PDB file of N, CA and C in Angstrom:
ATOM      1  N   MET A   1     117.445  19.809 101.614  1.00  0.00           N
ATOM      2  CA  MET A   1     118.519  19.312 102.437  1.00  0.00           C
ATOM      3  C   MET A   1     119.550  18.651 101.531  1.00  0.00           C
ATOM      4  N   THR A   2     120.784  18.904 101.817  1.00  0.00           N
ATOM      5  CA  THR A   2     121.862  18.378 101.012  1.00  0.00           C
ATOM      6  C   THR A   2     122.485  17.190 101.714  1.00  0.00           C
ATOM      7  N   GLY A   3     122.681  16.080 100.954  1.00  0.00           N
ATOM      8  CA  GLY A   3     123.286  14.876 101.520  1.00  0.00           C
ATOM      9  C   GLY A   3     124.791  15.008 101.613  1.00  0.00           C
ATOM     10  N   ALA A   4     125.440  13.961 102.079  1.00  0.00           N
ATOM     11  CA  ALA A   4     126.885  13.973 102.252  1.00  0.00           C
ATOM     12  C   ALA A   4     127.614  14.074 100.922  1.00  0.00           C
ATOM     13  N   SER A   5     126.999  13.583  99.856  1.00  0.00           N
ATOM     14  CA  SER A   5     127.663  13.633  98.559  1.00  0.00           C
ATOM     15  C   SER A   5     127.406  14.949  97.844  1.00  0.00           C
ATOM     16  N   GLY A   6     126.597  15.831  98.436  1.00  0.00           N
ATOM     17  CA  GLY A   6     126.323  17.119  97.829  1.00  0.00           C
ATOM     18  C   GLY A   6     125.143  17.097  96.878  1.00  0.00           C
ATOM     19  N   GLU A   7     124.486  15.951  96.717  1.00  0.00           N
ATOM     20  CA  GLU A   7     123.324  15.866  95.840  1.00  0.00           C
ATOM     21  C   GLU A   7     122.079  16.200  96.632  1.00  0.00           C
ATOM     22  N   ARG A   8     121.197  16.859  95.996  1.00  0.00           N
ATOM     23  CA  ARG A   8     120.002  17.302  96.679  1.00  0.00           C
ATOM     24  C   ARG A   8     118.790  16.473  96.229  1.00  0.00           C
ATOM     25  N   GLY A   9     118.047  15.945  97.195  1.00  0.00           N
ATOM     26  CA  GLY A   9     116.806  15.255  96.902  1.00  0.00           C
ATOM     27  C   GLY A   9     116.952  13.874  96.297  1.00  0.00           C
ATOM     28  N   ARG A  10     118.100  13.264  96.398  1.00  0.00           N
ATOM     29  CA  ARG A  10     118.271  11.918  95.851  1.00  0.00           C
ATOM     30  C   ARG A  10     118.668  10.976  96.969  1.00  0.00           C
ATOM     31  N   ASN A  11     118.194   9.792  96.869  1.00  0.00           N
ATOM     32  CA  ASN A  11     118.582   8.768  97.818  1.00  0.00           C
ATOM     33  C   ASN A  11     119.913   8.194  97.357  1.00  0.00           C
ATOM     34  N   ARG A  12     120.919   8.341  98.144  1.00  0.00           N
ATOM     35  CA  ARG A  12     122.251   7.897  97.745  1.00  0.00           C
ATOM     36  C   ARG A  12     122.332   6.390  97.605  1.00  0.00           C
ATOM     37  N   ARG A  13     121.536   5.675  98.337  1.00  0.00           N
ATOM     38  CA  ARG A  13     121.583   4.216  98.280  1.00  0.00           C
ATOM     39  C   ARG A  13     121.015   3.670  96.978  1.00  0.00           C
ATOM     40  N   SER A  14     120.129   4.424  96.333  1.00  0.00           N
ATOM     41  CA  SER A  14     119.487   3.904  95.128  1.00  0.00           C
ATOM     42  C   SER A  14     120.406   3.964  93.910  1.00  0.00           C
ATOM     43  N   ARG A  15     121.473   4.745  93.984  1.00  0.00           N
ATOM     44  CA  ARG A  15     122.392   4.818  92.848  1.00  0.00           C
ATOM     45  C   ARG A  15     123.287   3.601  92.820  1.00  0.00           C
ATOM     46  N   LYS A  16     123.464   3.039  91.643  1.00  0.00           N
ATOM     47  CA  LYS A  16     124.364   1.902  91.503  1.00  0.00           C
ATOM     48  C   LYS A  16     125.736   2.419  91.136  1.00  0.00           C
ATOM     49  N   LYS A  17     126.733   1.824  91.715  1.00  0.00           N
ATOM     50  CA  LYS A  17     128.091   2.222  91.409  1.00  0.00           C
ATOM     51  C   LYS A  17     128.661   1.288  90.355  1.00  0.00           C
ATOM     52  N   GLY A  18     129.616   1.781  89.614  1.00  0.00           N
ATOM     53  CA  GLY A  18     130.252   0.947  88.610  1.00  0.00           C
ATOM     54  C   GLY A  18     129.526   1.004  87.284  1.00  0.00           C
ATOM     55  N   ARG A  19     129.881   0.068  86.417  1.00  0.00           N
ATOM     56  CA  ARG A  19     129.292   0.019  85.086  1.00  0.00           C
ATOM     57  C   ARG A  19     127.867  -0.501  85.133  1.00  0.00           C
ATOM     58  N   PRO A  20     127.040  -0.010  84.232  1.00  0.00           N
ATOM     59  CA  PRO A  20     125.703  -0.605  84.155  1.00  0.00           C
ATOM     60  C   PRO A  20     125.803  -2.039  83.657  1.00  0.00           C
ATOM     61  N   GLY A  21     124.818  -2.846  83.961  1.00  0.00           N
ATOM     62  CA  GLY A  21     124.836  -4.258  83.584  1.00  0.00           C
ATOM     63  C   GLY A  21     124.881  -4.456  82.084  1.00  0.00           C
ATOM     64  N   LYS A  22     125.516  -5.517  81.669  1.00  0.00           N
ATOM     65  CA  LYS A  22     125.593  -5.827  80.248  1.00  0.00           C
ATOM     66  C   LYS A  22     124.252  -6.358  79.777  1.00  0.00           C
ATOM     67  N   ARG A  23     123.900  -6.008  78.565  1.00  0.00           N
ATOM     68  CA  ARG A  23     122.671  -6.533  77.988  1.00  0.00           C
ATOM     69  C   ARG A  23     122.951  -7.892  77.386  1.00  0.00           C
ATOM     70  N   ARG A  24     122.003  -8.787  77.511  1.00  0.00           N
ATOM     71  CA  ARG A  24     122.165 -10.117  76.921  1.00  0.00           C
ATOM     72  C   ARG A  24     122.031 -10.045  75.416  1.00  0.00           C
ATOM     73  N   ARG A  25     122.788 -10.859  74.751  1.00  0.00           N
ATOM     74  CA  ARG A  25     122.610 -10.988  73.317  1.00  0.00           C
ATOM     75  C   ARG A  25     121.391 -11.836  73.046  1.00  0.00           C
ATOM     76  N   ARG A  26     120.860 -11.725  71.861  1.00  0.00           N
ATOM     77  CA  ARG A  26     119.641 -12.461  71.514  1.00  0.00           C
ATOM     78  C   ARG A  26     119.810 -13.962  71.706  1.00  0.00           C
ATOM     79  N   GLU A  27     120.966 -14.517  71.345  1.00  0.00           N
ATOM     80  CA  GLU A  27     121.144 -15.960  71.458  1.00  0.00           C
ATOM     81  C   GLU A  27     121.323 -16.419  72.901  1.00  0.00           C
ATOM     82  N   GLU A  28     121.577 -15.496  73.825  1.00  0.00           N
ATOM     83  CA  GLU A  28     121.737 -15.863  75.224  1.00  0.00           C
ATOM     84  C   GLU A  28     120.423 -15.865  75.993  1.00  0.00           C
ATOM     85  N   LEU A  29     119.358 -15.369  75.368  1.00  0.00           N
ATOM     86  CA  LEU A  29     118.071 -15.327  76.047  1.00  0.00           C
ATOM     87  C   LEU A  29     117.567 -16.749  76.266  1.00  0.00           C
ATOM     88  N   PRO A  30     116.868 -16.993  77.388  1.00  0.00           N
ATOM     89  CA  PRO A  30     116.372 -18.346  77.635  1.00  0.00           C
ATOM     90  C   PRO A  30     115.331 -18.752  76.603  1.00  0.00           C
ATOM     91  N   LEU A  31     115.257 -20.040  76.341  1.00  0.00           N
ATOM     92  CA  LEU A  31     114.291 -20.560  75.378  1.00  0.00           C
ATOM     93  C   LEU A  31     112.872 -20.368  75.889  1.00  0.00           C
ATOM     94  N   ARG A  32     111.946 -20.220  74.959  1.00  0.00           N
ATOM     95  CA  ARG A  32     110.540 -20.207  75.344  1.00  0.00           C
ATOM     96  C   ARG A  32     110.194 -21.543  75.972  1.00  0.00           C
ATOM     97  N   GLN A  33     109.219 -21.555  76.826  1.00  0.00           N
ATOM     98  CA  GLN A  33     108.881 -22.773  77.551  1.00  0.00           C
ATOM     99  C   GLN A  33     108.507 -23.905  76.611  1.00  0.00           C
ATOM    100  N   ALA A  34     107.818 -23.623  75.531  1.00  0.00           N
ATOM    101  CA  ALA A  34     107.392 -24.685  74.620  1.00  0.00           C
ATOM    102  C   ALA A  34     108.558 -25.253  73.823  1.00  0.00           C
ATOM    103  N   GLN A  35     109.675 -24.517  73.724  1.00  0.00           N
ATOM    104  CA  GLN A  35     110.809 -24.975  72.945  1.00  0.00           C
ATOM    105  C   GLN A  35     111.748 -25.858  73.760  1.00  0.00           C
ATOM    106  N   ARG A  36     111.546 -25.947  75.040  1.00  0.00           N
ATOM    107  CA  ARG A  36     112.404 -26.775  75.871  1.00  0.00           C
ATOM    108  C   ARG A  36     112.132 -28.240  75.594  1.00  0.00           C
ATOM    109  N   SER A  37     113.089 -29.080  75.911  1.00  0.00           N
ATOM    110  CA  SER A  37     112.896 -30.505  75.672  1.00  0.00           C
ATOM    111  C   SER A  37     113.276 -31.286  76.914  1.00  0.00           C
ATOM    112  N   GLY A  38     112.852 -32.539  76.940  1.00  0.00           N
ATOM    113  CA  GLY A  38     113.220 -33.450  78.012  1.00  0.00           C
ATOM    114  C   GLY A  38     112.658 -33.052  79.364  1.00  0.00           C
ATOM    115  N   PRO A  39     113.483 -33.170  80.413  1.00  0.00           N
ATOM    116  CA  PRO A  39     113.011 -32.900  81.768  1.00  0.00           C
ATOM    117  C   PRO A  39     112.540 -31.462  81.963  1.00  0.00           C
ATOM    118  N   ASP A  40     113.152 -30.503  81.256  1.00  0.00           N
ATOM    119  CA  ASP A  40     112.718 -29.115  81.395  1.00  0.00           C
ATOM    120  C   ASP A  40     111.287 -28.942  80.912  1.00  0.00           C
ATOM    121  N   ARG A  41     110.971 -29.537  79.772  1.00  0.00           N
ATOM    122  CA  ARG A  41     109.619 -29.417  79.225  1.00  0.00           C
ATOM    123  C   ARG A  41     108.597 -30.091  80.146  1.00  0.00           C
ATOM    124  N   ARG A  42     108.954 -31.255  80.664  1.00  0.00           N
ATOM    125  CA  ARG A  42     108.032 -31.943  81.585  1.00  0.00           C
ATOM    126  C   ARG A  42     107.797 -31.129  82.843  1.00  0.00           C
ATOM    127  N   ARG A  43     108.857 -30.507  83.365  1.00  0.00           N
ATOM    128  CA  ARG A  43     108.719 -29.719  84.588  1.00  0.00           C
ATOM    129  C   ARG A  43     107.807 -28.517  84.345  1.00  0.00           C
ATOM    130  N   VAL A  44     107.978 -27.860  83.198  1.00  0.00           N
ATOM    131  CA  VAL A  44     107.144 -26.706  82.866  1.00  0.00           C
ATOM    132  C   VAL A  44     105.697 -27.136  82.687  1.00  0.00           C
ATOM    133  N   LEU A  45     105.473 -28.262  82.011  1.00  0.00           N
ATOM    134  CA  LEU A  45     104.112 -28.749  81.806  1.00  0.00           C
ATOM    135  C   LEU A  45     103.452 -29.138  83.128  1.00  0.00           C
ATOM    136  N   LEU A  46     104.189 -29.815  83.992  1.00  0.00           N
ATOM    137  CA  LEU A  46     103.621 -30.194  85.288  1.00  0.00           C
ATOM    138  C   LEU A  46     103.295 -28.974  86.135  1.00  0.00           C
ATOM    139  N   LYS A  47     104.145 -27.969  86.056  1.00  0.00           N
ATOM    140  CA  LYS A  47     103.879 -26.742  86.803  1.00  0.00           C
ATOM    141  C   LYS A  47     102.637 -26.046  86.259  1.00  0.00           C
ATOM    142  N   ALA A  48     102.440 -26.097  84.939  1.00  0.00           N
ATOM    143  CA  ALA A  48     101.279 -25.449  84.329  1.00  0.00           C
ATOM    144  C   ALA A  48      99.985 -26.142  84.734  1.00  0.00           C
ATOM    145  N   VAL A  49      99.975 -27.462  84.754  1.00  0.00           N
ATOM    146  CA  VAL A  49      98.731 -28.170  85.084  1.00  0.00           C
ATOM    147  C   VAL A  49      98.557 -28.362  86.586  1.00  0.00           C
ATOM    148  N   ALA A  50      99.449 -27.810  87.377  1.00  0.00           N
ATOM    149  CA  ALA A  50      99.297 -27.900  88.826  1.00  0.00           C
ATOM    150  C   ALA A  50      98.154 -27.008  89.319  1.00  0.00           C
ATOM    151  N   HIS A  51      97.826 -25.974  88.557  1.00  0.00           N
ATOM    152  CA  HIS A  51      96.729 -25.091  88.937  1.00  0.00           C
ATOM    153  C   HIS A  51      95.411 -25.785  88.600  1.00  0.00           C
ATOM    154  N   PRO A  52      94.482 -25.849  89.533  1.00  0.00           N
ATOM    155  CA  PRO A  52      93.243 -26.604  89.293  1.00  0.00           C
ATOM    156  C   PRO A  52      92.407 -26.077  88.123  1.00  0.00           C
ATOM    157  N   LEU A  53      92.355 -24.765  87.922  1.00  0.00           N
ATOM    158  CA  LEU A  53      91.565 -24.234  86.804  1.00  0.00           C
ATOM    159  C   LEU A  53      92.203 -24.596  85.469  1.00  0.00           C
ATOM    160  N   ARG A  54      93.524 -24.513  85.374  1.00  0.00           N
ATOM    161  CA  ARG A  54      94.192 -24.884  84.127  1.00  0.00           C
ATOM    162  C   ARG A  54      94.017 -26.369  83.845  1.00  0.00           C
ATOM    163  N   ARG A  55      94.050 -27.191  84.872  1.00  0.00           N
ATOM    164  CA  ARG A  55      93.865 -28.630  84.686  1.00  0.00           C
ATOM    165  C   ARG A  55      92.460 -28.908  84.160  1.00  0.00           C
ATOM    166  N   ARG A  56      91.444 -28.244  84.733  1.00  0.00           N
ATOM    167  CA  ARG A  56      90.074 -28.430  84.261  1.00  0.00           C
ATOM    168  C   ARG A  56      89.908 -27.927  82.828  1.00  0.00           C
ATOM    169  N   MET A  57      90.563 -26.791  82.529  1.00  0.00           N
ATOM    170  CA  MET A  57      90.508 -26.263  81.161  1.00  0.00           C
ATOM    171  C   MET A  57      91.136 -27.241  80.176  1.00  0.00           C
ATOM    172  N   LEU A  58      92.255 -27.812  80.553  1.00  0.00           N
ATOM    173  CA  LEU A  58      92.952 -28.742  79.669  1.00  0.00           C
ATOM    174  C   LEU A  58      92.093 -29.976  79.413  1.00  0.00           C
ATOM    175  N   TYR A  59      91.491 -30.540  80.441  1.00  0.00           N
ATOM    176  CA  TYR A  59      90.622 -31.704  80.255  1.00  0.00           C
ATOM    177  C   TYR A  59      89.449 -31.361  79.338  1.00  0.00           C
ATOM    178  N   LEU A  60      88.872 -30.175  79.500  1.00  0.00           N
ATOM    179  CA  LEU A  60      87.749 -29.773  78.660  1.00  0.00           C
ATOM    180  C   LEU A  60      88.193 -29.599  77.217  1.00  0.00           C
ATOM    181  N   MET A  61      89.334 -28.933  77.010  1.00  0.00           N
ATOM    182  CA  MET A  61      89.800 -28.689  75.647  1.00  0.00           C
ATOM    183  C   MET A  61      90.210 -29.976  74.944  1.00  0.00           C
ATOM    184  N   LEU A  62      90.750 -30.927  75.676  1.00  0.00           N
ATOM    185  CA  LEU A  62      91.138 -32.196  75.059  1.00  0.00           C
ATOM    186  C   LEU A  62      89.920 -33.030  74.695  1.00  0.00           C
ATOM    187  N   GLY A  63      88.816 -32.862  75.417  1.00  0.00           N
ATOM    188  CA  GLY A  63      87.611 -33.634  75.154  1.00  0.00           C
ATOM    189  C   GLY A  63      86.718 -33.047  74.078  1.00  0.00           C
ATOM    190  N   GLU A  64      86.934 -31.781  73.726  1.00  0.00           N
ATOM    191  CA  GLU A  64      86.095 -31.115  72.723  1.00  0.00           C
ATOM    192  C   GLU A  64      86.629 -31.380  71.318  1.00  0.00           C
ATOM    193  N   ASP A  65      85.708 -31.475  70.367  1.00  0.00           N
ATOM    194  CA  ASP A  65      86.102 -31.647  68.967  1.00  0.00           C
ATOM    195  C   ASP A  65      86.405 -30.311  68.305  1.00  0.00           C
ATOM    196  N   VAL A  66      85.808 -29.239  68.821  1.00  0.00           N
ATOM    197  CA  VAL A  66      86.015 -27.913  68.242  1.00  0.00           C
ATOM    198  C   VAL A  66      86.882 -27.086  69.194  1.00  0.00           C
ATOM    199  N   PRO A  67      87.691 -26.180  68.645  1.00  0.00           N
ATOM    200  CA  PRO A  67      88.500 -25.328  69.522  1.00  0.00           C
ATOM    201  C   PRO A  67      87.634 -24.359  70.310  1.00  0.00           C
ATOM    202  N   LEU A  68      88.086 -24.026  71.501  1.00  0.00           N
ATOM    203  CA  LEU A  68      87.356 -23.107  72.370  1.00  0.00           C
ATOM    204  C   LEU A  68      88.126 -21.810  72.509  1.00  0.00           C
ATOM    205  N   SER A  69      87.409 -20.697  72.515  1.00  0.00           N
ATOM    206  CA  SER A  69      88.042 -19.398  72.717  1.00  0.00           C
ATOM    207  C   SER A  69      88.122 -19.107  74.215  1.00  0.00           C
ATOM    208  N   ALA A  70      88.862 -18.073  74.554  1.00  0.00           N
ATOM    209  CA  ALA A  70      88.969 -17.678  75.961  1.00  0.00           C
ATOM    210  C   ALA A  70      87.612 -17.240  76.504  1.00  0.00           C
ATOM    211  N   ALA A  71      86.801 -16.603  75.663  1.00  0.00           N
ATOM    212  CA  ALA A  71      85.467 -16.180  76.092  1.00  0.00           C
ATOM    213  C   ALA A  71      84.583 -17.390  76.400  1.00  0.00           C
ATOM    214  N   GLN A  72      84.689 -18.428  75.585  1.00  0.00           N
ATOM    215  CA  GLN A  72      83.905 -19.647  75.835  1.00  0.00           C
ATOM    216  C   GLN A  72      84.383 -20.340  77.115  1.00  0.00           C
ATOM    217  N   LEU A  73      85.690 -20.352  77.333  1.00  0.00           N
ATOM    218  CA  LEU A  73      86.221 -20.945  78.566  1.00  0.00           C
ATOM    219  C   LEU A  73      85.752 -20.153  79.784  1.00  0.00           C
ATOM    220  N   ALA A  74      85.767 -18.835  79.674  1.00  0.00           N
ATOM    221  CA  ALA A  74      85.321 -17.991  80.786  1.00  0.00           C
ATOM    222  C   ALA A  74      83.857 -18.260  81.114  1.00  0.00           C
ATOM    223  N   GLU A  75      83.052 -18.441  80.077  1.00  0.00           N
ATOM    224  CA  GLU A  75      81.633 -18.711  80.288  1.00  0.00           C
ATOM    225  C   GLU A  75      81.413 -20.082  80.926  1.00  0.00           C
ATOM    226  N   LYS A  76      82.130 -21.095  80.448  1.00  0.00           N
ATOM    227  CA  LYS A  76      81.951 -22.451  80.972  1.00  0.00           C
ATOM    228  C   LYS A  76      82.394 -22.572  82.426  1.00  0.00           C
ATOM    229  N   PHE A  77      83.487 -21.874  82.785  1.00  0.00           N
ATOM    230  CA  PHE A  77      84.014 -21.996  84.143  1.00  0.00           C
ATOM    231  C   PHE A  77      83.589 -20.858  85.068  1.00  0.00           C
ATOM    232  N   GLU A  78      82.777 -19.944  84.527  1.00  0.00           N
ATOM    233  CA  GLU A  78      82.242 -18.825  85.300  1.00  0.00           C
ATOM    234  C   GLU A  78      83.360 -18.024  85.979  1.00  0.00           C
ATOM    235  N   VAL A  79      84.340 -17.630  85.185  1.00  0.00           N
ATOM    236  CA  VAL A  79      85.430 -16.784  85.653  1.00  0.00           C
ATOM    237  C   VAL A  79      85.515 -15.580  84.712  1.00  0.00           C
ATOM    238  N   PRO A  80      86.138 -14.489  85.153  1.00  0.00           N
ATOM    239  CA  PRO A  80      86.298 -13.338  84.261  1.00  0.00           C
ATOM    240  C   PRO A  80      87.130 -13.689  83.023  1.00  0.00           C
ATOM    241  N   LEU A  81      86.891 -12.961  81.950  1.00  0.00           N
ATOM    242  CA  LEU A  81      87.571 -13.229  80.687  1.00  0.00           C
ATOM    243  C   LEU A  81      89.084 -13.111  80.831  1.00  0.00           C
ATOM    244  N   GLY A  82      89.568 -12.139  81.568  1.00  0.00           N
ATOM    245  CA  GLY A  82      91.008 -11.951  81.745  1.00  0.00           C
ATOM    246  C   GLY A  82      91.677 -13.153  82.389  1.00  0.00           C
ATOM    247  N   ILE A  83      91.021 -13.738  83.362  1.00  0.00           N
ATOM    248  CA  ILE A  83      91.575 -14.912  84.054  1.00  0.00           C
ATOM    249  C   ILE A  83      91.586 -16.113  83.113  1.00  0.00           C
ATOM    250  N   ALA A  84      90.506 -16.308  82.382  1.00  0.00           N
ATOM    251  CA  ALA A  84      90.452 -17.429  81.435  1.00  0.00           C
ATOM    252  C   ALA A  84      91.501 -17.266  80.349  1.00  0.00           C
ATOM    253  N   SER A  85      91.666 -16.054  79.859  1.00  0.00           N
ATOM    254  CA  SER A  85      92.654 -15.801  78.823  1.00  0.00           C
ATOM    255  C   SER A  85      94.066 -16.041  79.340  1.00  0.00           C
ATOM    256  N   TYR A  86      94.350 -15.590  80.548  1.00  0.00           N
ATOM    257  CA  TYR A  86      95.679 -15.794  81.131  1.00  0.00           C
ATOM    258  C   TYR A  86      95.996 -17.284  81.264  1.00  0.00           C
ATOM    259  N   HIS A  87      95.076 -18.053  81.823  1.00  0.00           N
ATOM    260  CA  HIS A  87      95.336 -19.470  82.044  1.00  0.00           C
ATOM    261  C   HIS A  87      95.430 -20.236  80.719  1.00  0.00           C
ATOM    262  N   ALA A  88      94.648 -19.832  79.733  1.00  0.00           N
ATOM    263  CA  ALA A  88      94.754 -20.463  78.408  1.00  0.00           C
ATOM    264  C   ALA A  88      96.111 -20.141  77.776  1.00  0.00           C
ATOM    265  N   SER A  89      96.601 -18.931  77.980  1.00  0.00           N
ATOM    266  CA  SER A  89      97.906 -18.583  77.414  1.00  0.00           C
ATOM    267  C   SER A  89      99.035 -19.321  78.112  1.00  0.00           C
ATOM    268  N   VAL A  90      98.896 -19.596  79.407  1.00  0.00           N
ATOM    269  CA  VAL A  90      99.905 -20.393  80.107  1.00  0.00           C
ATOM    270  C   VAL A  90      99.948 -21.800  79.519  1.00  0.00           C
ATOM    271  N   LEU A  91      98.789 -22.374  79.265  1.00  0.00           N
ATOM    272  CA  LEU A  91      98.737 -23.706  78.649  1.00  0.00           C
ATOM    273  C   LEU A  91      99.323 -23.684  77.241  1.00  0.00           C
ATOM    274  N   HIS A  92      99.107 -22.596  76.526  1.00  0.00           N
ATOM    275  CA  HIS A  92      99.668 -22.476  75.181  1.00  0.00           C
ATOM    276  C   HIS A  92     101.189 -22.339  75.232  1.00  0.00           C
ATOM    277  N   ARG A  93     101.699 -21.510  76.144  1.00  0.00           N
ATOM    278  CA  ARG A  93     103.147 -21.296  76.244  1.00  0.00           C
ATOM    279  C   ARG A  93     103.898 -22.562  76.611  1.00  0.00           C
ATOM    280  N   CYS A  94     103.283 -23.433  77.401  1.00  0.00           N
ATOM    281  CA  CYS A  94     103.985 -24.665  77.788  1.00  0.00           C
ATOM    282  C   CYS A  94     103.805 -25.761  76.743  1.00  0.00           C
ATOM    283  N   GLY A  95     103.009 -25.511  75.718  1.00  0.00           N
ATOM    284  CA  GLY A  95     102.865 -26.469  74.630  1.00  0.00           C
ATOM    285  C   GLY A  95     101.748 -27.475  74.826  1.00  0.00           C
ATOM    286  N   ALA A  96     100.897 -27.289  75.823  1.00  0.00           N
ATOM    287  CA  ALA A  96      99.815 -28.242  76.071  1.00  0.00           C
ATOM    288  C   ALA A  96      98.677 -28.094  75.062  1.00  0.00           C
ATOM    289  N   VAL A  97      98.430 -26.885  74.597  1.00  0.00           N
ATOM    290  CA  VAL A  97      97.372 -26.629  73.615  1.00  0.00           C
ATOM    291  C   VAL A  97      97.937 -25.722  72.527  1.00  0.00           C
ATOM    292  N   THR A  98      97.239 -25.668  71.416  1.00  0.00           N
ATOM    293  CA  THR A  98      97.645 -24.765  70.337  1.00  0.00           C
ATOM    294  C   THR A  98      96.612 -23.666  70.188  1.00  0.00           C
ATOM    295  N   ALA A  99      97.069 -22.508  69.789  1.00  0.00           N
ATOM    296  CA  ALA A  99      96.179 -21.366  69.596  1.00  0.00           C
ATOM    297  C   ALA A  99      95.601 -21.404  68.193  1.00  0.00           C
ATOM    298  N   PHE A 100      94.472 -20.768  68.012  1.00  0.00           N
ATOM    299  CA  PHE A 100      93.855 -20.667  66.695  1.00  0.00           C
ATOM    300  C   PHE A 100      93.300 -19.260  66.558  1.00  0.00           C
ATOM    301  N   SER A 101      93.110 -18.854  65.337  1.00  0.00           N
ATOM    302  CA  SER A 101      92.488 -17.566  65.083  1.00  0.00           C
ATOM    303  C   SER A 101      91.129 -17.813  64.450  1.00  0.00           C
ATOM    304  N   PRO A 102      90.204 -16.868  64.577  1.00  0.00           N
ATOM    305  CA  PRO A 102      88.870 -17.080  63.996  1.00  0.00           C
ATOM    306  C   PRO A 102      88.901 -17.325  62.493  1.00  0.00           C
ATOM    307  N   GLU A 103      89.916 -16.827  61.791  1.00  0.00           N
ATOM    308  CA  GLU A 103      90.007 -17.040  60.359  1.00  0.00           C
ATOM    309  C   GLU A 103      90.333 -18.479  60.009  1.00  0.00           C
ATOM    310  N   ASP A 104      90.916 -19.231  60.983  1.00  0.00           N
ATOM    311  CA  ASP A 104      91.270 -20.621  60.736  1.00  0.00           C
ATOM    312  C   ASP A 104      90.046 -21.512  60.592  1.00  0.00           C
ATOM    313  N   GLY A 105      88.922 -21.053  61.091  1.00  0.00           N
ATOM    314  CA  GLY A 105      87.697 -21.837  60.956  1.00  0.00           C
ATOM    315  C   GLY A 105      87.462 -22.587  62.153  1.00  0.00           C
TER     316      GLY A 105
END
């Protein structure tokens, strides 16, 4: 079936008219959450610890003398590894915890 514009098999509404959107320059990209300062950083941190699992993870990590991996967090909180890893990365992105690699010791 041919539409009013003569195009076949395309939804006319899905086409955007005009110029495509401009791409942002590298310096215009928003700062990473951990690089923010002042009220922005506090808001991001409060939003991160608003989740009960992340709050429990943060309390556990602050009380431990040794760093914990995502697998250890998953085991302690009895959640899948993917969920533990995601929540640990949210805490890392907001600057609440630091990441380590096994080579660091």
